[in-house]
Amino acid sequence: MNWIKRLSIVLAVLVVSGALVYGISTENKNKITREGTKFYFPTQIDFAGEVAPLQVSDVRERLDRELLINANLDATTLLIIKRANRAFPIIEPILAKYGVPDDFKYLAVIESGLVNAVSPAGARGVWQFMPVTAKEKGMEVNDFVDERYHLEKSTEAACKYLLEAKARFGNWTLAAASYNGGMTGVNKQIEMQQVTNYYDLLLNDETSRYVFRILALKEIMKDPAKYGFMVDANDLYHNLPSKVITVDTTINDLASFAKAQGINYKILKIHNPWLRDKKLINVNRKKYEIQIPLSGY
């Protein structure tokens, strides 16, 4: 065997060996990463100070399910973490003003992903209000203005609902569940099943998962890196500096109005999504506050 053949054999062995080593190390790395998530299950977790009974097997499994699902919805959960930096500073002080626990900001997260979502049933906005409930809670809903898309006003409406639910059920966990299942629906199950704790109730699949989804997002968003979400501060979404223009008359052309404010129609609608038409009819001279970004748009 000449030296060229010897060299070829040695190189081939080295290439194969390297590939095997690389494959093993990559496999082990992935294995460690995947198995590592098992250690992230919390030893204790609460919603609004009310501790979840993780010693109950089905409770533990239901939380485990939601943690695994949301920790592996990479793009969706990452976007929520980014949006929270913009939405939470608006939501948090309103919750505090009404005496609603801060944990309810995570209810908004699972309702809409912190965007102005539209459900098949017709619920809209970050807090997902149906038209009738929105009007009952003092929001304006018509062809020109829909305050379900107004984050401050819809958060206030959500607080009003949650305070009523807390007064009815006596705890925040059932109040949260009723946001999904309705006060009447949850109360009917409480009376039929003769229990007064969310974790003891057998509910429909959506409401049964509801609080656990809140808990899972709370756990992940409190410490994203622990669940593999490495987010730089520069990657988070921010609220832009803006001024408020108060109007109490009809605006026949919102595009012209936007141009007069130094922005365009698109930017006007992005920052005031509650404006639902190309014009604002205001025969009653109601005062509306319109956000005008100053820069960075």
Protein backbone atom coordinates (compact mmCIF):
# COMPACT_ATOMS: atom_id res chain seq x y z
CA MET A 1 0.00 0.00 0.00
CA ASN A 2 1.59 3.28 -1.10
CA TRP A 3 1.63 6.43 1.03
CA ILE A 4 -1.18 8.07 -0.95
CA LYS A 5 -3.55 5.18 -0.17
CA ARG A 6 -2.46 5.22 3.48
CA LEU A 7 -3.15 8.95 3.70
CA SER A 8 -6.58 8.52 2.07
CA ILE A 9 -7.56 5.86 4.61
CA VAL A 10 -6.39 7.99 7.55
CA LEU A 11 -8.32 11.02 6.28
CA ALA A 12 -11.46 8.93 5.73
CA VAL A 13 -11.25 7.55 9.27
CA LEU A 14 -10.81 11.06 10.68
CA VAL A 15 -13.80 12.40 8.73
CA VAL A 16 -16.07 9.54 9.84
CA SER A 17 -14.87 9.82 13.44
CA GLY A 18 -15.42 13.57 13.42
CA ALA A 19 -18.91 13.14 12.04
CA LEU A 20 -19.73 10.58 14.70
CA VAL A 21 -18.38 12.77 17.47
CA TYR A 22 -20.26 15.79 16.13
CA GLY A 23 -23.44 13.77 15.81
CA ILE A 24 -23.16 12.42 19.33
CA SER A 25 -22.37 15.80 20.86
CA THR A 26 -25.24 17.44 18.95
CA GLU A 27 -27.61 14.66 19.97
CA ASN A 28 -26.53 14.93 23.60
CA LYS A 29 -26.86 18.69 23.49
CA ASN A 30 -30.42 18.44 22.20
CA LYS A 31 -31.20 15.70 24.67
CA ILE A 32 -29.90 17.77 27.57
CA THR A 33 -31.85 20.80 26.36
CA ARG A 34 -35.09 18.86 26.01
CA GLU A 35 -34.71 16.97 29.26
CA GLY A 36 -33.63 20.15 30.99
CA THR A 37 -37.15 21.54 30.65
CA LYS A 38 -38.32 18.91 33.13
CA PHE A 39 -36.48 20.74 35.88
CA TYR A 40 -38.36 23.96 35.19
CA PHE A 41 -41.67 22.77 36.60
CA PRO A 42 -42.35 25.08 39.58
CA THR A 43 -42.52 23.70 43.10
CA GLN A 44 -45.24 26.24 43.88
CA ILE A 45 -47.33 28.62 41.84
CA ASP A 46 -50.22 30.95 42.59
CA PHE A 47 -52.72 33.12 40.81
CA ALA A 48 -53.35 36.46 42.50
CA GLY A 49 -51.95 35.03 45.74
CA GLU A 50 -54.19 31.95 45.59
CA VAL A 51 -51.94 28.88 45.57
CA ALA A 52 -52.59 26.14 43.02
CA PRO A 53 -52.72 22.66 44.66
CA LEU A 54 -49.91 21.04 42.68
CA GLN A 55 -50.01 18.02 44.99
CA VAL A 56 -53.25 17.01 43.22
CA SER A 57 -52.24 14.83 40.27
CA ASP A 58 -54.61 16.22 37.64
CA VAL A 59 -53.80 19.79 38.64
CA ARG A 60 -50.10 19.10 38.23
CA GLU A 61 -50.61 17.43 34.85
CA ARG A 62 -52.82 20.23 33.55
CA LEU A 63 -50.21 22.85 34.43
CA ASP A 64 -47.47 20.67 32.96
CA ARG A 65 -49.40 20.49 29.70
CA GLU A 66 -49.74 24.25 29.36
CA LEU A 67 -46.12 24.89 30.32
CA LEU A 68 -44.87 22.42 27.71
CA ILE A 69 -47.16 23.77 25.00
CA ASN A 70 -46.34 27.44 25.55
CA ALA A 71 -42.63 26.87 26.13
CA ASN A 72 -42.51 25.18 22.72
CA LEU A 73 -44.62 27.72 20.82
CA ASP A 74 -41.38 29.51 20.07
CA ALA A 75 -42.49 32.32 17.74
CA THR A 76 -45.87 32.89 19.40
CA THR A 77 -44.53 33.10 22.94
CA LEU A 78 -41.56 35.21 21.88
CA LEU A 79 -43.86 37.72 20.22
CA ILE A 80 -46.00 37.89 23.36
CA ILE A 81 -42.92 38.61 25.48
CA LYS A 82 -41.95 41.42 23.11
CA ARG A 83 -45.46 42.91 23.06
CA ALA A 84 -45.77 42.77 26.84
CA ASN A 85 -43.06 45.40 27.15
CA ARG A 86 -45.41 47.76 25.32
CA ALA A 87 -48.78 46.67 26.73
CA PHE A 88 -48.04 45.93 30.40
CA PRO A 89 -47.01 49.51 31.32
CA ILE A 90 -50.51 50.59 30.21
CA ILE A 91 -52.40 47.68 31.78
CA GLU A 92 -50.61 47.46 35.15
CA PRO A 93 -51.49 50.90 36.59
CA ILE A 94 -55.14 50.48 35.60
CA LEU A 95 -55.34 47.12 37.38
CA ALA A 96 -53.73 48.74 40.43
CA LYS A 97 -56.14 51.68 40.30
CA TYR A 98 -59.13 49.34 40.49
CA GLY A 99 -57.58 47.02 43.09
CA VAL A 100 -57.41 44.10 40.67
CA PRO A 101 -54.33 41.85 41.17
CA ASP A 102 -51.44 42.35 38.76
CA ASP A 103 -51.66 38.70 37.66
CA PHE A 104 -54.71 39.56 35.56
CA LYS A 105 -52.44 41.07 32.93
CA TYR A 106 -51.68 37.45 31.99
CA LEU A 107 -55.39 36.91 31.41
CA ALA A 108 -55.14 39.52 28.66
CA VAL A 109 -52.17 37.59 27.29
CA ILE A 110 -54.10 34.35 26.81
CA GLU A 111 -57.20 36.15 25.56
CA SER A 112 -55.52 37.87 22.65
CA GLY A 113 -51.74 37.52 22.65
CA LEU A 114 -51.78 41.28 23.43
CA VAL A 115 -53.08 42.25 19.99
CA ASN A 116 -56.49 43.50 18.90
CA ALA A 117 -57.73 40.04 18.01
CA VAL A 118 -61.13 39.17 16.54
CA SER A 119 -62.74 35.89 17.59
CA PRO A 120 -65.11 33.84 15.40
CA ALA A 121 -67.88 34.71 17.88
CA GLY A 122 -67.30 38.45 17.46
CA ALA A 123 -65.26 39.26 20.57
CA ARG A 124 -62.68 41.95 19.86
CA GLY A 125 -59.70 43.73 21.29
CA VAL A 126 -56.96 42.76 23.74
CA TRP A 127 -59.56 41.86 26.39
CA GLN A 128 -61.93 40.16 23.90
CA PHE A 129 -65.25 41.80 24.73
CA MET A 130 -68.47 40.92 22.96
CA PRO A 131 -70.49 43.98 21.86
CA VAL A 132 -73.24 43.63 24.47
CA THR A 133 -70.86 43.17 27.39
CA ALA A 134 -68.69 46.05 26.15
CA LYS A 135 -71.67 48.41 26.14
CA GLU A 136 -72.78 47.18 29.57
CA LYS A 137 -69.35 48.13 30.89
CA GLY A 138 -69.53 51.64 29.45
CA MET A 139 -67.67 51.27 26.15
CA GLU A 140 -68.83 52.87 22.92
CA VAL A 141 -69.32 50.39 20.08
CA ASN A 142 -70.60 51.54 16.68
CA ASP A 143 -69.53 51.89 13.06
CA PHE A 144 -67.20 54.80 13.78
CA VAL A 145 -65.86 54.10 17.28
CA ASP A 146 -65.20 50.76 18.92
CA GLU A 147 -63.61 51.18 22.34
CA ARG A 148 -62.96 47.45 22.62
CA TYR A 149 -59.86 48.38 20.60
CA HIS A 150 -58.93 51.08 23.12
CA LEU A 151 -56.48 49.44 25.52
CA GLU A 152 -57.01 51.81 28.45
CA LYS A 153 -60.81 51.80 28.25
CA SER A 154 -61.10 48.07 27.64
CA THR A 155 -58.78 47.39 30.58
CA GLU A 156 -61.02 49.50 32.80
CA ALA A 157 -64.04 47.56 31.56
CA ALA A 158 -62.28 44.27 32.30
CA CYS A 159 -61.56 45.48 35.83
CA LYS A 160 -65.24 46.26 36.37
CA TYR A 161 -66.19 42.76 35.25
CA LEU A 162 -63.55 41.08 37.40
CA LEU A 163 -64.52 43.01 40.52
CA GLU A 164 -68.14 41.89 40.04
CA ALA A 165 -67.00 38.30 39.56
CA LYS A 166 -64.79 38.43 42.66
CA ALA A 167 -67.71 39.73 44.72
CA ARG A 168 -69.87 36.89 43.43
CA PHE A 169 -67.45 33.98 43.80
CA GLY A 170 -65.28 35.11 46.68
CA ASN A 171 -61.90 34.45 45.05
CA TRP A 172 -59.88 35.66 42.09
CA THR A 173 -59.28 32.26 40.51
CA LEU A 174 -62.99 31.66 39.92
CA ALA A 175 -63.34 35.28 38.80
CA ALA A 176 -60.71 34.57 36.14
CA ALA A 177 -62.43 31.33 35.10
CA SER A 178 -65.73 33.18 34.75
CA TYR A 179 -64.12 35.58 32.28
CA ASN A 180 -64.05 32.58 29.96
CA GLY A 181 -66.99 30.50 31.12
CA GLY A 182 -69.32 33.33 32.14
CA MET A 183 -70.54 34.03 35.67
CA THR A 184 -73.79 32.17 35.10
CA GLY A 185 -72.08 29.14 33.57
CA VAL A 186 -69.46 28.83 36.32
CA ASN A 187 -72.04 29.36 39.07
CA LYS A 188 -74.26 26.65 37.57
CA GLN A 189 -71.38 24.15 37.79
CA ILE A 190 -70.54 25.20 41.35
CA GLU A 191 -74.12 24.55 42.44
CA MET A 192 -74.40 21.25 40.58
CA GLN A 193 -71.02 19.86 41.69
CA GLN A 194 -71.27 21.25 45.24
CA VAL A 195 -67.71 22.61 45.35
CA THR A 196 -66.42 26.17 45.58
CA ASN A 197 -62.86 25.84 44.27
CA TYR A 198 -61.83 26.13 40.61
CA TYR A 199 -59.38 23.26 40.95
CA ASP A 200 -62.19 20.96 42.19
CA LEU A 201 -64.57 21.74 39.32
CA LEU A 202 -65.10 19.64 36.22
CA LEU A 203 -65.60 22.21 33.46
CA ASN A 204 -65.61 22.25 29.67
CA ASP A 205 -62.18 21.86 28.07
CA GLU A 206 -61.62 25.54 27.35
CA THR A 207 -62.54 26.80 30.82
CA SER A 208 -60.78 23.85 32.44
CA ARG A 209 -57.52 24.89 30.72
CA TYR A 210 -58.08 28.62 31.12
CA VAL A 211 -56.45 29.35 34.50
CA PHE A 212 -53.66 26.89 33.77
CA ARG A 213 -52.84 28.77 30.57
CA ILE A 214 -52.67 31.97 32.62
CA LEU A 215 -50.37 30.30 35.15
CA ALA A 216 -48.13 28.91 32.42
CA LEU A 217 -47.68 32.26 30.67
CA LYS A 218 -47.09 33.95 34.01
CA GLU A 219 -44.38 31.43 34.85
CA ILE A 220 -42.68 31.71 31.45
CA MET A 221 -42.91 35.49 31.16
CA LYS A 222 -41.54 36.10 34.65
CA ASP A 223 -38.30 34.34 33.68
CA PRO A 224 -38.19 33.77 29.90
CA ALA A 225 -34.55 32.66 29.85
CA LYS A 226 -35.37 29.72 32.08
CA TYR A 227 -37.62 28.41 29.32
CA GLY A 228 -35.18 29.11 26.51
CA PHE A 229 -36.38 32.55 25.44
CA MET A 230 -33.30 34.74 25.20
CA VAL A 231 -34.63 38.24 24.55
CA ASP A 232 -32.42 41.29 24.36
CA ALA A 233 -33.88 44.54 25.71
CA ASN A 234 -33.39 46.12 22.29
CA ASP A 235 -35.65 43.48 20.74
CA LEU A 236 -38.65 44.36 22.92
CA TYR A 237 -41.47 46.50 21.53
CA HIS A 238 -41.83 49.97 23.02
CA ASN A 239 -44.48 52.67 23.30
CA LEU A 240 -43.55 55.67 21.19
CA PRO A 241 -43.51 59.20 22.62
CA SER A 242 -46.79 60.83 21.66
CA LYS A 243 -49.05 63.78 22.22
CA VAL A 244 -52.81 63.78 22.75
CA ILE A 245 -55.17 65.78 20.55
CA THR A 246 -58.65 66.26 22.03
CA VAL A 247 -61.45 66.61 19.50
CA ASP A 248 -65.15 67.21 20.08
CA THR A 249 -66.37 67.68 16.53
CA THR A 250 -66.89 65.52 13.47
CA ILE A 251 -63.79 64.71 11.41
CA ASN A 252 -64.94 64.10 7.85
CA ASP A 253 -61.59 62.89 6.52
CA LEU A 254 -59.20 61.14 8.90
CA ALA A 255 -56.50 60.95 6.22
CA SER A 256 -56.46 64.76 5.92
CA PHE A 257 -56.61 65.07 9.70
CA ALA A 258 -53.58 62.79 10.02
CA LYS A 259 -51.65 64.74 7.42
CA ALA A 260 -52.38 67.97 9.27
CA GLN A 261 -50.84 66.39 12.39
CA GLY A 262 -47.65 65.50 10.55
CA ILE A 263 -48.36 61.78 10.20
CA ASN A 264 -50.26 59.61 7.73
CA TYR A 265 -53.51 57.66 7.84
CA LYS A 266 -51.77 54.34 8.53
CA ILE A 267 -49.94 55.70 11.59
CA LEU A 268 -53.13 57.35 12.87
CA LYS A 269 -55.00 54.05 12.71
CA ILE A 270 -52.16 52.01 14.23
CA HIS A 271 -52.03 54.26 17.29
CA ASN A 272 -55.80 54.76 17.52
CA PRO A 273 -57.29 51.40 16.49
CA TRP A 274 -60.61 52.34 18.09
CA LEU A 275 -61.24 54.66 15.11
CA ARG A 276 -63.09 52.21 12.86
CA ASP A 277 -63.96 54.27 9.79
CA LYS A 278 -62.40 56.78 7.41
CA LYS A 279 -64.18 59.52 9.33
CA LEU A 280 -65.36 60.25 12.86
CA ILE A 281 -69.00 61.31 13.16
CA ASN A 282 -69.54 63.18 16.41
CA VAL A 283 -72.97 64.83 16.52
CA ASN A 284 -73.08 64.85 20.34
CA ARG A 285 -69.79 66.77 20.67
CA LYS A 286 -68.24 63.97 22.71
CA LYS A 287 -64.59 64.50 23.62
CA TYR A 288 -62.20 61.98 22.09
CA GLU A 289 -58.49 61.78 22.80
CA ILE A 290 -56.40 60.90 19.76
CA GLN A 291 -52.80 59.73 20.13
CA ILE A 292 -50.28 61.32 17.78
CA PRO A 293 -46.79 59.78 17.87
CA LEU A 294 -44.00 62.33 17.91
CA SER A 295 -41.21 60.24 16.44
CA GLY A 296 -40.04 56.72 15.69
CA TYR A 297 -43.06 55.72 13.65
